[in-house]
Amino acid sequence: MSHEYVPEIATDREGNEYEVQGWQGDFYAGKLGFWLFMLTEVMMFGAMFLALAYYNTLHPQDFLDASASLNRVLGGTNTVILLISALTMGLGFLKMRTGDVKGAKLMIWATILLAIIFLVIKGFEWRAEYNHGIFLLHDQLLPESSLPFGQKLFFGLYFTMTGLHGVHIIIGIGLMLWLLQRINADKVTPEHHIFHLNIALYWDIVHLIWVFVFPYYYMIGAGGATGGH
């Protein structure tokens, strides 16, 4: 059953008909509104990065030691995965604009698959850290543990920020599934693609945040221990 977009028509006093500019067609307003939303995301994560930088100046050695214990191989792999997912999402939007709806859907599914792989890898990484007693409210991060206070701060910020980022990944998967549903219902089309654009912008901010998370958390201790959990 087709659900094609039907524009709303308004009539003035002289009987002239005009198409009402709905949110699907108001490209600039829709894009501006979503950019404002993303500004709030940048402010939220930016505050956490500022906290990380501030406490790093107070406990530089503890932060180096804690960073050196993270698994840079898994973190780097997830960085590459998110960069590729940004490419597939962008290609999907370009395909939608050029009328290749089938290709756009394929790229969205590829992005969803990459997002799931990211979460699985992060889950393995978190499980290893949990087994080492390093997790929120677990063994080494409790106030009475012998772990240096600066390392507790580092891991607290690390789990908070990567956890919040993971929530954004899950939300992104849900949005992409919703996008596929709207494409199948002909509510997102090459002519009315603002919803697709906004989700692509959302995924851009998700992968860009991780591009900063990786060097800030994983790489500052790269000159120390080369292991990791």
N, C-alpha and C. Protein backbone atom coordinates (compact mmCIF):
# COMPACT_ATOMS: atom_id res chain seq x y z
N MET A 1 0.85 -1.20 0.00
CA MET A 1 0.00 0.00 0.00
C MET A 1 0.88 1.24 0.00
N SER A 2 0.65 2.16 -0.92
CA SER A 2 1.47 3.35 -1.06
C SER A 2 0.96 4.46 -0.15
N HIS A 3 1.89 5.23 0.43
CA HIS A 3 1.55 6.38 1.27
C HIS A 3 2.34 7.58 0.77
N GLU A 4 2.09 7.99 -0.45
CA GLU A 4 2.85 9.08 -1.04
C GLU A 4 2.55 10.39 -0.33
N TYR A 5 3.56 11.25 -0.34
CA TYR A 5 3.43 12.55 0.30
C TYR A 5 2.40 13.39 -0.47
N VAL A 6 1.40 13.89 0.26
CA VAL A 6 0.35 14.72 -0.34
C VAL A 6 0.46 16.11 0.27
N PRO A 7 0.81 17.11 -0.52
CA PRO A 7 0.97 18.46 0.04
C PRO A 7 -0.36 19.05 0.48
N GLU A 8 -0.31 19.89 1.51
CA GLU A 8 -1.50 20.58 1.99
C GLU A 8 -1.69 21.86 1.18
N ILE A 9 -2.92 22.09 0.76
CA ILE A 9 -3.24 23.25 -0.09
C ILE A 9 -4.07 24.25 0.71
N ALA A 10 -3.64 25.51 0.68
CA ALA A 10 -4.40 26.59 1.31
C ALA A 10 -4.96 27.51 0.23
N THR A 11 -6.10 28.10 0.51
CA THR A 11 -6.77 28.98 -0.46
C THR A 11 -6.97 30.36 0.14
N ASP A 12 -6.59 31.41 -0.61
CA ASP A 12 -6.78 32.76 -0.09
C ASP A 12 -8.19 33.26 -0.41
N ARG A 13 -8.49 34.51 -0.05
CA ARG A 13 -9.84 35.05 -0.22
C ARG A 13 -10.25 35.17 -1.68
N GLU A 14 -9.27 35.30 -2.56
CA GLU A 14 -9.56 35.40 -3.98
C GLU A 14 -9.70 34.04 -4.66
N GLY A 15 -9.54 32.97 -3.87
CA GLY A 15 -9.69 31.63 -4.44
C GLY A 15 -8.40 31.06 -5.01
N ASN A 16 -7.28 31.77 -4.85
CA ASN A 16 -6.00 31.25 -5.34
C ASN A 16 -5.46 30.19 -4.39
N GLU A 17 -4.95 29.10 -4.96
CA GLU A 17 -4.45 28.00 -4.16
C GLU A 17 -2.93 28.07 -4.03
N TYR A 18 -2.44 27.72 -2.83
CA TYR A 18 -1.00 27.71 -2.55
C TYR A 18 -0.66 26.45 -1.77
N GLU A 19 0.49 25.91 -2.09
CA GLU A 19 0.95 24.74 -1.34
C GLU A 19 1.54 25.20 -0.01
N VAL A 20 1.07 24.59 1.08
CA VAL A 20 1.60 24.91 2.41
C VAL A 20 2.98 24.29 2.56
N GLN A 21 3.92 25.12 3.02
CA GLN A 21 5.30 24.66 3.19
C GLN A 21 5.41 23.89 4.48
N GLY A 22 5.31 22.56 4.42
CA GLY A 22 5.42 21.71 5.60
C GLY A 22 6.87 21.45 5.96
N TRP A 23 7.06 20.72 7.06
CA TRP A 23 8.42 20.49 7.54
C TRP A 23 9.22 19.65 6.56
N GLN A 24 8.54 18.81 5.75
CA GLN A 24 9.28 17.97 4.81
C GLN A 24 9.84 18.78 3.65
N GLY A 25 9.23 19.92 3.38
CA GLY A 25 9.69 20.73 2.27
C GLY A 25 10.50 21.95 2.69
N ASP A 26 10.40 22.32 3.96
CA ASP A 26 11.10 23.50 4.46
C ASP A 26 12.54 23.10 4.79
N PHE A 27 13.37 23.01 3.77
CA PHE A 27 14.72 22.47 3.90
C PHE A 27 15.57 23.29 4.85
N TYR A 28 15.59 24.60 4.68
CA TYR A 28 16.49 25.45 5.46
C TYR A 28 16.08 25.52 6.93
N ALA A 29 14.79 25.63 7.20
CA ALA A 29 14.34 25.68 8.60
C ALA A 29 14.59 24.35 9.29
N GLY A 30 14.34 23.25 8.57
CA GLY A 30 14.58 21.93 9.15
C GLY A 30 16.04 21.71 9.47
N LYS A 31 16.91 22.16 8.57
CA LYS A 31 18.35 22.00 8.79
C LYS A 31 18.82 22.89 9.93
N LEU A 32 18.32 24.14 9.98
CA LEU A 32 18.72 25.06 11.04
C LEU A 32 18.31 24.53 12.41
N GLY A 33 17.07 24.02 12.50
CA GLY A 33 16.59 23.48 13.77
C GLY A 33 17.45 22.34 14.27
N PHE A 34 17.88 21.48 13.35
CA PHE A 34 18.68 20.35 13.78
C PHE A 34 20.09 20.76 14.13
N TRP A 35 20.62 21.77 13.46
CA TRP A 35 21.94 22.28 13.82
C TRP A 35 21.92 22.86 15.23
N LEU A 36 20.81 23.50 15.60
CA LEU A 36 20.69 24.02 16.96
C LEU A 36 20.66 22.88 17.97
N PHE A 37 19.98 21.79 17.63
CA PHE A 37 19.97 20.62 18.51
C PHE A 37 21.38 20.07 18.67
N MET A 38 22.12 19.98 17.56
CA MET A 38 23.47 19.43 17.64
C MET A 38 24.39 20.34 18.45
N LEU A 39 24.10 21.65 18.46
CA LEU A 39 24.89 22.56 19.28
C LEU A 39 24.78 22.18 20.75
N THR A 40 23.58 21.77 21.19
CA THR A 40 23.42 21.35 22.58
C THR A 40 24.22 20.08 22.86
N GLU A 41 24.32 19.19 21.87
CA GLU A 41 25.13 17.98 22.03
C GLU A 41 26.61 18.33 22.18
N VAL A 42 27.07 19.25 21.37
CA VAL A 42 28.47 19.68 21.44
C VAL A 42 28.75 20.32 22.80
N MET A 43 27.82 21.11 23.31
CA MET A 43 28.00 21.75 24.61
C MET A 43 28.07 20.70 25.73
N MET A 44 27.24 19.67 25.64
CA MET A 44 27.23 18.64 26.68
C MET A 44 28.54 17.86 26.69
N PHE A 45 28.94 17.35 25.53
CA PHE A 45 30.19 16.59 25.48
C PHE A 45 31.40 17.51 25.68
N GLY A 46 31.28 18.75 25.21
CA GLY A 46 32.38 19.70 25.39
C GLY A 46 32.66 19.95 26.86
N ALA A 47 31.61 20.00 27.69
CA ALA A 47 31.80 20.20 29.13
C ALA A 47 32.58 19.04 29.73
N MET A 48 32.30 17.82 29.26
CA MET A 48 33.03 16.65 29.78
C MET A 48 34.48 16.66 29.33
N PHE A 49 34.72 17.10 28.10
CA PHE A 49 36.11 17.21 27.64
C PHE A 49 36.88 18.26 28.44
N LEU A 50 36.20 19.36 28.79
CA LEU A 50 36.84 20.39 29.61
C LEU A 50 37.18 19.84 31.00
N ALA A 51 36.26 19.04 31.55
CA ALA A 51 36.52 18.42 32.85
C ALA A 51 37.73 17.49 32.76
N LEU A 52 37.80 16.73 31.67
CA LEU A 52 38.94 15.84 31.47
C LEU A 52 40.24 16.63 31.40
N ALA A 53 40.24 17.71 30.64
CA ALA A 53 41.45 18.52 30.49
C ALA A 53 41.85 19.15 31.82
N TYR A 54 40.86 19.62 32.58
CA TYR A 54 41.16 20.26 33.87
C TYR A 54 41.79 19.27 34.85
N TYR A 55 41.16 18.11 35.01
CA TYR A 55 41.69 17.13 35.96
C TYR A 55 43.00 16.52 35.47
N ASN A 56 43.21 16.54 34.17
CA ASN A 56 44.48 16.05 33.64
C ASN A 56 45.64 16.94 34.10
N THR A 57 45.37 18.23 34.22
CA THR A 57 46.42 19.14 34.72
C THR A 57 46.71 18.91 36.20
N LEU A 58 45.73 18.39 36.94
CA LEU A 58 45.91 18.15 38.38
C LEU A 58 46.56 16.80 38.66
N HIS A 59 46.27 15.81 37.80
CA HIS A 59 46.78 14.46 38.02
C HIS A 59 47.38 13.91 36.72
N PRO A 60 48.40 14.53 36.19
CA PRO A 60 48.92 14.12 34.87
C PRO A 60 49.45 12.70 34.83
N GLN A 61 50.19 12.28 35.85
CA GLN A 61 50.76 10.93 35.83
C GLN A 61 49.69 9.86 35.97
N ASP A 62 48.73 10.11 36.86
CA ASP A 62 47.63 9.15 37.02
C ASP A 62 46.85 8.99 35.71
N PHE A 63 46.63 10.10 35.00
CA PHE A 63 45.90 10.03 33.73
C PHE A 63 46.72 9.26 32.69
N LEU A 64 48.03 9.47 32.67
CA LEU A 64 48.88 8.73 31.73
C LEU A 64 48.83 7.24 32.01
N ASP A 65 48.93 6.87 33.30
CA ASP A 65 48.91 5.46 33.67
C ASP A 65 47.56 4.81 33.35
N ALA A 66 46.47 5.53 33.62
CA ALA A 66 45.14 4.99 33.35
C ALA A 66 44.92 4.84 31.85
N SER A 67 45.34 5.84 31.09
CA SER A 67 45.17 5.77 29.64
C SER A 67 45.96 4.61 29.04
N ALA A 68 47.16 4.36 29.58
CA ALA A 68 48.00 3.29 29.06
C ALA A 68 47.38 1.92 29.26
N SER A 69 46.44 1.80 30.22
CA SER A 69 45.81 0.51 30.48
C SER A 69 44.65 0.21 29.55
N LEU A 70 44.17 1.22 28.79
CA LEU A 70 43.07 0.99 27.85
C LEU A 70 43.55 0.22 26.63
N ASN A 71 42.63 -0.49 26.01
CA ASN A 71 42.96 -1.30 24.83
C ASN A 71 42.89 -0.43 23.58
N ARG A 72 44.04 0.03 23.12
CA ARG A 72 44.07 0.93 21.96
C ARG A 72 43.74 0.21 20.66
N VAL A 73 43.96 -1.09 20.60
CA VAL A 73 43.61 -1.84 19.39
C VAL A 73 42.10 -1.85 19.18
N LEU A 74 41.36 -2.17 20.25
CA LEU A 74 39.90 -2.16 20.13
C LEU A 74 39.37 -0.75 19.93
N GLY A 75 39.95 0.22 20.66
CA GLY A 75 39.51 1.60 20.48
C GLY A 75 39.79 2.10 19.09
N GLY A 76 40.96 1.77 18.53
CA GLY A 76 41.29 2.18 17.17
C GLY A 76 40.41 1.50 16.14
N THR A 77 40.11 0.22 16.36
CA THR A 77 39.22 -0.51 15.45
C THR A 77 37.84 0.14 15.41
N ASN A 78 37.33 0.50 16.59
CA ASN A 78 36.03 1.17 16.63
C ASN A 78 36.06 2.53 15.97
N THR A 79 37.20 3.21 16.04
CA THR A 79 37.33 4.51 15.36
C THR A 79 37.20 4.33 13.86
N VAL A 80 37.89 3.33 13.31
CA VAL A 80 37.81 3.06 11.88
C VAL A 80 36.39 2.67 11.48
N ILE A 81 35.74 1.85 12.32
CA ILE A 81 34.37 1.42 12.03
C ILE A 81 33.43 2.61 11.95
N LEU A 82 33.55 3.55 12.89
CA LEU A 82 32.66 4.72 12.87
C LEU A 82 32.96 5.63 11.69
N LEU A 83 34.21 5.75 11.30
CA LEU A 83 34.55 6.56 10.13
C LEU A 83 33.95 5.96 8.87
N ILE A 84 34.01 4.63 8.75
CA ILE A 84 33.39 3.97 7.59
C ILE A 84 31.88 4.14 7.62
N SER A 85 31.29 4.06 8.83
CA SER A 85 29.84 4.23 8.94
C SER A 85 29.41 5.64 8.55
N ALA A 86 30.25 6.63 8.84
CA ALA A 86 29.94 8.00 8.41
C ALA A 86 29.93 8.07 6.88
N LEU A 87 30.84 7.32 6.25
CA LEU A 87 30.88 7.28 4.79
C LEU A 87 29.63 6.62 4.23
N THR A 88 29.23 5.48 4.79
CA THR A 88 28.04 4.79 4.28
C THR A 88 26.78 5.63 4.48
N MET A 89 26.69 6.32 5.62
CA MET A 89 25.53 7.17 5.85
C MET A 89 25.49 8.33 4.85
N GLY A 90 26.65 8.95 4.62
CA GLY A 90 26.70 10.03 3.63
C GLY A 90 26.38 9.56 2.23
N LEU A 91 26.90 8.40 1.85
CA LEU A 91 26.58 7.85 0.52
C LEU A 91 25.09 7.54 0.40
N GLY A 92 24.51 7.05 1.50
CA GLY A 92 23.08 6.76 1.47
C GLY A 92 22.25 8.01 1.20
N PHE A 93 22.64 9.13 1.85
CA PHE A 93 21.90 10.37 1.62
C PHE A 93 22.08 10.87 0.19
N LEU A 94 23.31 10.77 -0.34
CA LEU A 94 23.55 11.18 -1.72
C LEU A 94 22.74 10.34 -2.70
N LYS A 95 22.66 9.04 -2.43
CA LYS A 95 21.87 8.16 -3.30
C LYS A 95 20.39 8.53 -3.25
N MET A 96 19.90 8.88 -2.05
CA MET A 96 18.50 9.29 -1.93
C MET A 96 18.25 10.55 -2.76
N ARG A 97 19.15 11.52 -2.68
CA ARG A 97 18.97 12.77 -3.42
C ARG A 97 18.97 12.55 -4.93
N THR A 98 19.73 11.55 -5.39
CA THR A 98 19.80 11.29 -6.83
C THR A 98 18.75 10.32 -7.30
N GLY A 99 17.87 9.87 -6.39
CA GLY A 99 16.77 9.00 -6.80
C GLY A 99 17.03 7.51 -6.67
N ASP A 100 18.21 7.14 -6.19
CA ASP A 100 18.53 5.71 -6.00
C ASP A 100 18.07 5.28 -4.61
N VAL A 101 16.77 5.06 -4.48
CA VAL A 101 16.19 4.73 -3.17
C VAL A 101 16.69 3.38 -2.67
N LYS A 102 16.77 2.40 -3.58
CA LYS A 102 17.26 1.08 -3.18
C LYS A 102 18.69 1.16 -2.66
N GLY A 103 19.54 1.91 -3.36
CA GLY A 103 20.92 2.08 -2.92
C GLY A 103 21.01 2.81 -1.59
N ALA A 104 20.12 3.79 -1.39
CA ALA A 104 20.11 4.53 -0.13
C ALA A 104 19.77 3.61 1.03
N LYS A 105 18.78 2.75 0.83
CA LYS A 105 18.39 1.81 1.89
C LYS A 105 19.53 0.83 2.19
N LEU A 106 20.23 0.39 1.17
CA LEU A 106 21.36 -0.51 1.37
C LEU A 106 22.44 0.14 2.21
N MET A 107 22.72 1.40 1.95
CA MET A 107 23.73 2.12 2.72
C MET A 107 23.29 2.34 4.17
N ILE A 108 22.00 2.56 4.38
CA ILE A 108 21.50 2.71 5.75
C ILE A 108 21.66 1.41 6.52
N TRP A 109 21.33 0.28 5.87
CA TRP A 109 21.51 -1.02 6.52
C TRP A 109 22.98 -1.27 6.83
N ALA A 110 23.87 -0.87 5.93
CA ALA A 110 25.31 -1.02 6.18
C ALA A 110 25.73 -0.20 7.40
N THR A 111 25.18 1.00 7.53
CA THR A 111 25.51 1.85 8.68
C THR A 111 25.01 1.22 9.97
N ILE A 112 23.80 0.66 9.94
CA ILE A 112 23.25 -0.02 11.12
C ILE A 112 24.15 -1.19 11.52
N LEU A 113 24.59 -1.98 10.55
CA LEU A 113 25.46 -3.12 10.83
C LEU A 113 26.77 -2.67 11.47
N LEU A 114 27.36 -1.62 10.94
CA LEU A 114 28.61 -1.10 11.50
C LEU A 114 28.40 -0.57 12.92
N ALA A 115 27.27 0.06 13.16
CA ALA A 115 26.96 0.57 14.50
C ALA A 115 26.84 -0.58 15.50
N ILE A 116 26.21 -1.67 15.08
CA ILE A 116 26.08 -2.83 15.96
C ILE A 116 27.45 -3.44 16.24
N ILE A 117 28.30 -3.54 15.22
CA ILE A 117 29.66 -4.06 15.41
C ILE A 117 30.41 -3.19 16.42
N PHE A 118 30.26 -1.87 16.31
CA PHE A 118 30.89 -0.95 17.26
C PHE A 118 30.46 -1.28 18.68
N LEU A 119 29.16 -1.47 18.90
CA LEU A 119 28.66 -1.75 20.24
C LEU A 119 29.16 -3.09 20.76
N VAL A 120 29.24 -4.10 19.88
CA VAL A 120 29.73 -5.41 20.29
C VAL A 120 31.18 -5.32 20.75
N ILE A 121 32.01 -4.62 19.97
CA ILE A 121 33.42 -4.47 20.33
C ILE A 121 33.54 -3.70 21.65
N LYS A 122 32.75 -2.65 21.81
CA LYS A 122 32.79 -1.89 23.05
C LYS A 122 32.34 -2.75 24.22
N GLY A 123 31.38 -3.63 23.98
CA GLY A 123 30.93 -4.53 25.03
C GLY A 123 32.03 -5.46 25.50
N PHE A 124 32.79 -6.02 24.54
CA PHE A 124 33.93 -6.88 24.90
C PHE A 124 34.98 -6.09 25.70
N GLU A 125 35.20 -4.85 25.29
CA GLU A 125 36.19 -4.03 25.98
C GLU A 125 35.74 -3.73 27.41
N TRP A 126 34.48 -3.37 27.57
CA TRP A 126 33.96 -3.09 28.91
C TRP A 126 33.97 -4.34 29.78
N ARG A 127 33.67 -5.51 29.20
CA ARG A 127 33.67 -6.74 29.98
C ARG A 127 35.08 -7.04 30.51
N ALA A 128 36.10 -6.81 29.67
CA ALA A 128 37.48 -7.03 30.12
C ALA A 128 37.82 -6.08 31.26
N GLU A 129 37.39 -4.83 31.15
CA GLU A 129 37.67 -3.86 32.20
C GLU A 129 36.92 -4.21 33.48
N TYR A 130 35.70 -4.71 33.34
CA TYR A 130 34.93 -5.14 34.51
C TYR A 130 35.62 -6.30 35.21
N ASN A 131 36.13 -7.23 34.43
CA ASN A 131 36.83 -8.39 35.01
C ASN A 131 38.10 -7.98 35.74
N HIS A 132 38.66 -6.83 35.38
CA HIS A 132 39.83 -6.31 36.08
C HIS A 132 39.44 -5.41 37.25
N GLY A 133 38.14 -5.36 37.55
CA GLY A 133 37.67 -4.57 38.68
C GLY A 133 37.56 -3.10 38.39
N ILE A 134 37.71 -2.71 37.12
CA ILE A 134 37.64 -1.29 36.76
C ILE A 134 36.31 -1.04 36.05
N PHE A 135 35.36 -0.58 36.81
CA PHE A 135 34.04 -0.24 36.28
C PHE A 135 33.36 0.65 37.31
N LEU A 136 32.36 1.41 36.88
CA LEU A 136 31.68 2.30 37.81
C LEU A 136 31.10 1.50 38.98
N LEU A 137 31.38 1.96 40.21
CA LEU A 137 30.90 1.33 41.45
C LEU A 137 31.37 -0.11 41.59
N HIS A 138 32.55 -0.41 41.07
CA HIS A 138 33.05 -1.78 41.13
C HIS A 138 34.51 -1.77 41.58
N ASP A 139 34.80 -2.54 42.61
CA ASP A 139 36.13 -2.80 43.16
C ASP A 139 37.07 -1.59 43.13
N GLN A 140 37.88 -1.48 42.06
CA GLN A 140 38.97 -0.51 42.02
C GLN A 140 38.51 0.95 42.04
N LEU A 141 37.29 1.22 41.63
CA LEU A 141 36.83 2.61 41.57
C LEU A 141 36.08 3.03 42.82
N LEU A 142 35.95 2.13 43.81
CA LEU A 142 35.30 2.50 45.06
C LEU A 142 36.23 3.41 45.88
N PRO A 143 35.67 4.27 46.72
CA PRO A 143 36.50 5.22 47.49
C PRO A 143 37.57 4.53 48.34
N GLU A 144 37.25 3.33 48.85
CA GLU A 144 38.20 2.69 49.75
C GLU A 144 39.27 1.88 49.02
N SER A 145 39.24 1.83 47.69
CA SER A 145 40.24 1.06 46.96
C SER A 145 41.59 1.79 46.97
N SER A 146 42.65 1.04 46.64
CA SER A 146 44.00 1.61 46.66
C SER A 146 44.37 2.29 45.35
N LEU A 147 43.49 2.28 44.36
CA LEU A 147 43.78 2.92 43.08
C LEU A 147 43.96 4.42 43.29
N PRO A 148 44.99 5.03 42.69
CA PRO A 148 45.20 6.48 42.85
C PRO A 148 43.96 7.28 42.47
N PHE A 149 43.75 8.38 43.19
CA PHE A 149 42.53 9.17 42.99
C PHE A 149 42.43 9.69 41.55
N GLY A 150 43.55 10.10 40.96
CA GLY A 150 43.52 10.61 39.59
C GLY A 150 43.05 9.56 38.60
N GLN A 151 43.43 8.29 38.83
CA GLN A 151 42.98 7.23 37.94
C GLN A 151 41.49 6.97 38.10
N LYS A 152 41.00 7.10 39.33
CA LYS A 152 39.56 6.96 39.55
C LYS A 152 38.79 8.04 38.78
N LEU A 153 39.31 9.27 38.81
CA LEU A 153 38.69 10.35 38.04
C LEU A 153 38.70 10.03 36.55
N PHE A 154 39.83 9.56 36.06
CA PHE A 154 39.96 9.25 34.64
C PHE A 154 38.94 8.20 34.22
N PHE A 155 38.90 7.09 34.95
CA PHE A 155 37.99 6.02 34.57
C PHE A 155 36.53 6.41 34.76
N GLY A 156 36.26 7.24 35.78
CA GLY A 156 34.89 7.72 35.95
C GLY A 156 34.43 8.53 34.75
N LEU A 157 35.29 9.44 34.28
CA LEU A 157 34.97 10.23 33.08
C LEU A 157 34.90 9.34 31.84
N TYR A 158 35.81 8.38 31.76
CA TYR A 158 35.86 7.48 30.61
C TYR A 158 34.56 6.68 30.47
N PHE A 159 34.11 6.06 31.56
CA PHE A 159 32.90 5.26 31.49
C PHE A 159 31.66 6.13 31.29
N THR A 160 31.66 7.31 31.88
CA THR A 160 30.51 8.21 31.69
C THR A 160 30.40 8.65 30.24
N MET A 161 31.52 9.09 29.66
CA MET A 161 31.46 9.61 28.31
C MET A 161 31.25 8.51 27.26
N THR A 162 31.97 7.39 27.40
CA THR A 162 31.79 6.32 26.42
C THR A 162 30.41 5.68 26.57
N GLY A 163 29.89 5.64 27.81
CA GLY A 163 28.54 5.12 28.01
C GLY A 163 27.49 6.01 27.37
N LEU A 164 27.65 7.33 27.57
CA LEU A 164 26.72 8.29 26.96
C LEU A 164 26.82 8.23 25.44
N HIS A 165 28.03 8.07 24.94
CA HIS A 165 28.21 7.94 23.49
C HIS A 165 27.53 6.67 22.99
N GLY A 166 27.64 5.58 23.76
CA GLY A 166 26.98 4.34 23.37
C GLY A 166 25.47 4.50 23.30
N VAL A 167 24.91 5.27 24.23
CA VAL A 167 23.46 5.55 24.19
C VAL A 167 23.11 6.27 22.90
N HIS A 168 23.96 7.20 22.48
CA HIS A 168 23.71 7.91 21.22
C HIS A 168 23.79 6.96 20.02
N ILE A 169 24.68 5.97 20.09
CA ILE A 169 24.76 4.97 19.02
C ILE A 169 23.45 4.19 18.94
N ILE A 170 22.94 3.77 20.10
CA ILE A 170 21.68 3.00 20.13
C ILE A 170 20.53 3.85 19.60
N ILE A 171 20.48 5.12 20.01
CA ILE A 171 19.44 6.02 19.49
C ILE A 171 19.57 6.16 17.98
N GLY A 172 20.83 6.26 17.49
CA GLY A 172 21.05 6.37 16.05
C GLY A 172 20.53 5.16 15.30
N ILE A 173 20.75 3.96 15.85
CA ILE A 173 20.23 2.74 15.21
C ILE A 173 18.70 2.80 15.14
N GLY A 174 18.07 3.22 16.24
CA GLY A 174 16.62 3.35 16.23
C GLY A 174 16.12 4.35 15.20
N LEU A 175 16.82 5.49 15.09
CA LEU A 175 16.44 6.50 14.10
C LEU A 175 16.59 5.97 12.67
N MET A 176 17.66 5.21 12.43
CA MET A 176 17.86 4.67 11.08
C MET A 176 16.79 3.64 10.73
N LEU A 177 16.38 2.83 11.71
CA LEU A 177 15.30 1.88 11.46
C LEU A 177 14.00 2.62 11.17
N TRP A 178 13.77 3.72 11.90
CA TRP A 178 12.59 4.55 11.65
C TRP A 178 12.67 5.17 10.26
N LEU A 179 13.86 5.62 9.88
CA LEU A 179 14.06 6.19 8.54
C LEU A 179 13.72 5.16 7.47
N LEU A 180 14.17 3.93 7.64
CA LEU A 180 13.86 2.87 6.65
C LEU A 180 12.35 2.65 6.56
N GLN A 181 11.69 2.69 7.71
CA GLN A 181 10.24 2.52 7.70
C GLN A 181 9.55 3.64 6.94
N ARG A 182 10.02 4.86 7.10
CA ARG A 182 9.42 6.00 6.41
C ARG A 182 9.74 5.97 4.91
N ILE A 183 10.92 5.48 4.56
CA ILE A 183 11.24 5.33 3.14
C ILE A 183 10.32 4.30 2.50
N ASN A 184 10.11 3.18 3.19
CA ASN A 184 9.23 2.13 2.67
C ASN A 184 7.79 2.63 2.54
N ALA A 185 7.40 3.57 3.38
CA ALA A 185 6.05 4.13 3.33
C ALA A 185 5.95 5.34 2.40
N ASP A 186 7.04 5.62 1.65
CA ASP A 186 7.08 6.75 0.72
C ASP A 186 6.90 8.10 1.42
N LYS A 187 7.25 8.17 2.69
CA LYS A 187 7.19 9.44 3.40
C LYS A 187 8.52 10.17 3.36
N VAL A 188 9.58 9.46 3.01
CA VAL A 188 10.88 10.07 2.71
C VAL A 188 11.21 9.69 1.28
N THR A 189 11.37 10.68 0.45
CA THR A 189 11.57 10.46 -0.98
C THR A 189 12.72 11.37 -1.45
N PRO A 190 13.18 11.19 -2.69
CA PRO A 190 14.21 12.10 -3.22
C PRO A 190 13.79 13.56 -3.20
N GLU A 191 12.48 13.82 -3.25
CA GLU A 191 11.98 15.20 -3.22
C GLU A 191 11.79 15.71 -1.80
N HIS A 192 11.54 14.83 -0.86
CA HIS A 192 11.28 15.20 0.53
C HIS A 192 12.20 14.37 1.42
N HIS A 193 13.44 14.87 1.58
CA HIS A 193 14.47 14.07 2.25
C HIS A 193 15.05 14.77 3.48
N ILE A 194 14.36 15.76 4.03
CA ILE A 194 14.92 16.50 5.17
C ILE A 194 15.12 15.58 6.37
N PHE A 195 14.22 14.60 6.56
CA PHE A 195 14.37 13.65 7.68
C PHE A 195 15.64 12.83 7.52
N HIS A 196 15.92 12.41 6.30
CA HIS A 196 17.14 11.65 6.01
C HIS A 196 18.37 12.52 6.27
N LEU A 197 18.32 13.76 5.86
CA LEU A 197 19.45 14.67 6.07
C LEU A 197 19.73 14.85 7.56
N ASN A 198 18.69 15.06 8.34
CA ASN A 198 18.88 15.30 9.76
C ASN A 198 19.48 14.08 10.48
N ILE A 199 19.07 12.88 10.08
CA ILE A 199 19.65 11.69 10.69
C ILE A 199 21.11 11.55 10.26
N ALA A 200 21.42 11.90 9.02
CA ALA A 200 22.81 11.88 8.56
C ALA A 200 23.65 12.87 9.37
N LEU A 201 23.09 14.05 9.66
CA LEU A 201 23.79 15.03 10.49
C LEU A 201 23.98 14.51 11.91
N TYR A 202 22.96 13.86 12.43
CA TYR A 202 23.07 13.27 13.77
C TYR A 202 24.21 12.26 13.82
N TRP A 203 24.28 11.41 12.79
CA TRP A 203 25.33 10.39 12.78
C TRP A 203 26.71 11.04 12.63
N ASP A 204 26.77 12.16 11.94
CA ASP A 204 28.04 12.89 11.84
C ASP A 204 28.53 13.32 13.22
N ILE A 205 27.64 13.85 14.05
CA ILE A 205 28.07 14.31 15.36
C ILE A 205 28.45 13.13 16.24
N VAL A 206 27.77 11.98 16.06
CA VAL A 206 28.10 10.79 16.84
C VAL A 206 29.52 10.31 16.51
N HIS A 207 29.85 10.26 15.23
CA HIS A 207 31.19 9.76 14.89
C HIS A 207 32.26 10.81 15.18
N LEU A 208 31.93 12.10 15.07
CA LEU A 208 32.91 13.14 15.37
C LEU A 208 33.26 13.17 16.85
N ILE A 209 32.28 12.94 17.70
CA ILE A 209 32.56 12.89 19.15
C ILE A 209 33.55 11.78 19.46
N TRP A 210 33.37 10.62 18.82
CA TRP A 210 34.29 9.51 19.07
C TRP A 210 35.69 9.83 18.53
N VAL A 211 35.78 10.58 17.46
CA VAL A 211 37.08 10.96 16.91
C VAL A 211 37.88 11.76 17.94
N PHE A 212 37.19 12.48 18.83
CA PHE A 212 37.87 13.20 19.91
C PHE A 212 38.04 12.31 21.14
N VAL A 213 37.08 11.42 21.39
CA VAL A 213 37.19 10.53 22.55
C VAL A 213 38.43 9.65 22.43
N PHE A 214 38.67 9.11 21.24
CA PHE A 214 39.78 8.17 21.07
C PHE A 214 41.14 8.77 21.43
N PRO A 215 41.54 9.90 20.87
CA PRO A 215 42.87 10.44 21.25
C PRO A 215 42.91 10.96 22.68
N TYR A 216 41.81 11.54 23.16
CA TYR A 216 41.81 12.10 24.51
C TYR A 216 41.95 11.03 25.58
N TYR A 217 41.31 9.89 25.36
CA TYR A 217 41.34 8.85 26.39
C TYR A 217 42.37 7.76 26.10
N TYR A 218 42.47 7.32 24.88
CA TYR A 218 43.30 6.16 24.56
C TYR A 218 44.75 6.52 24.27
N MET A 219 45.00 7.70 23.73
CA MET A 219 46.34 7.98 23.19
C MET A 219 47.23 8.80 24.10
N ILE A 220 46.70 9.44 25.15
CA ILE A 220 47.58 10.28 25.98
C ILE A 220 48.58 9.42 26.74
N GLY A 221 48.27 8.14 26.93
CA GLY A 221 49.21 7.26 27.61
C GLY A 221 49.91 6.32 26.66
N ALA A 222 49.93 6.67 25.36
CA ALA A 222 50.51 5.78 24.36
C ALA A 222 52.00 5.59 24.56
N GLY A 223 52.64 6.54 25.20
CA GLY A 223 54.08 6.43 25.42
C GLY A 223 54.45 5.59 26.62
N GLY A 224 53.36 5.18 27.38
CA GLY A 224 53.62 4.36 28.56
C GLY A 224 53.53 2.89 28.25
N ALA A 225 52.74 2.19 29.06
CA ALA A 225 52.57 0.76 28.85
C ALA A 225 51.91 0.49 27.53
N THR A 226 52.30 -0.57 26.88
CA THR A 226 51.76 -0.89 25.55
C THR A 226 50.72 -1.97 25.60
N GLY A 227 50.35 -2.40 26.78
CA GLY A 227 49.43 -3.52 26.89
C GLY A 227 47.99 -3.10 26.77
N GLY A 228 47.28 -3.12 27.86
CA GLY A 228 45.85 -2.86 27.86
C GLY A 228 45.13 -4.13 28.23
N HIS A 229 43.92 -3.95 28.75
CA HIS A 229 43.17 -5.11 29.21
C HIS A 229 42.67 -5.93 28.04
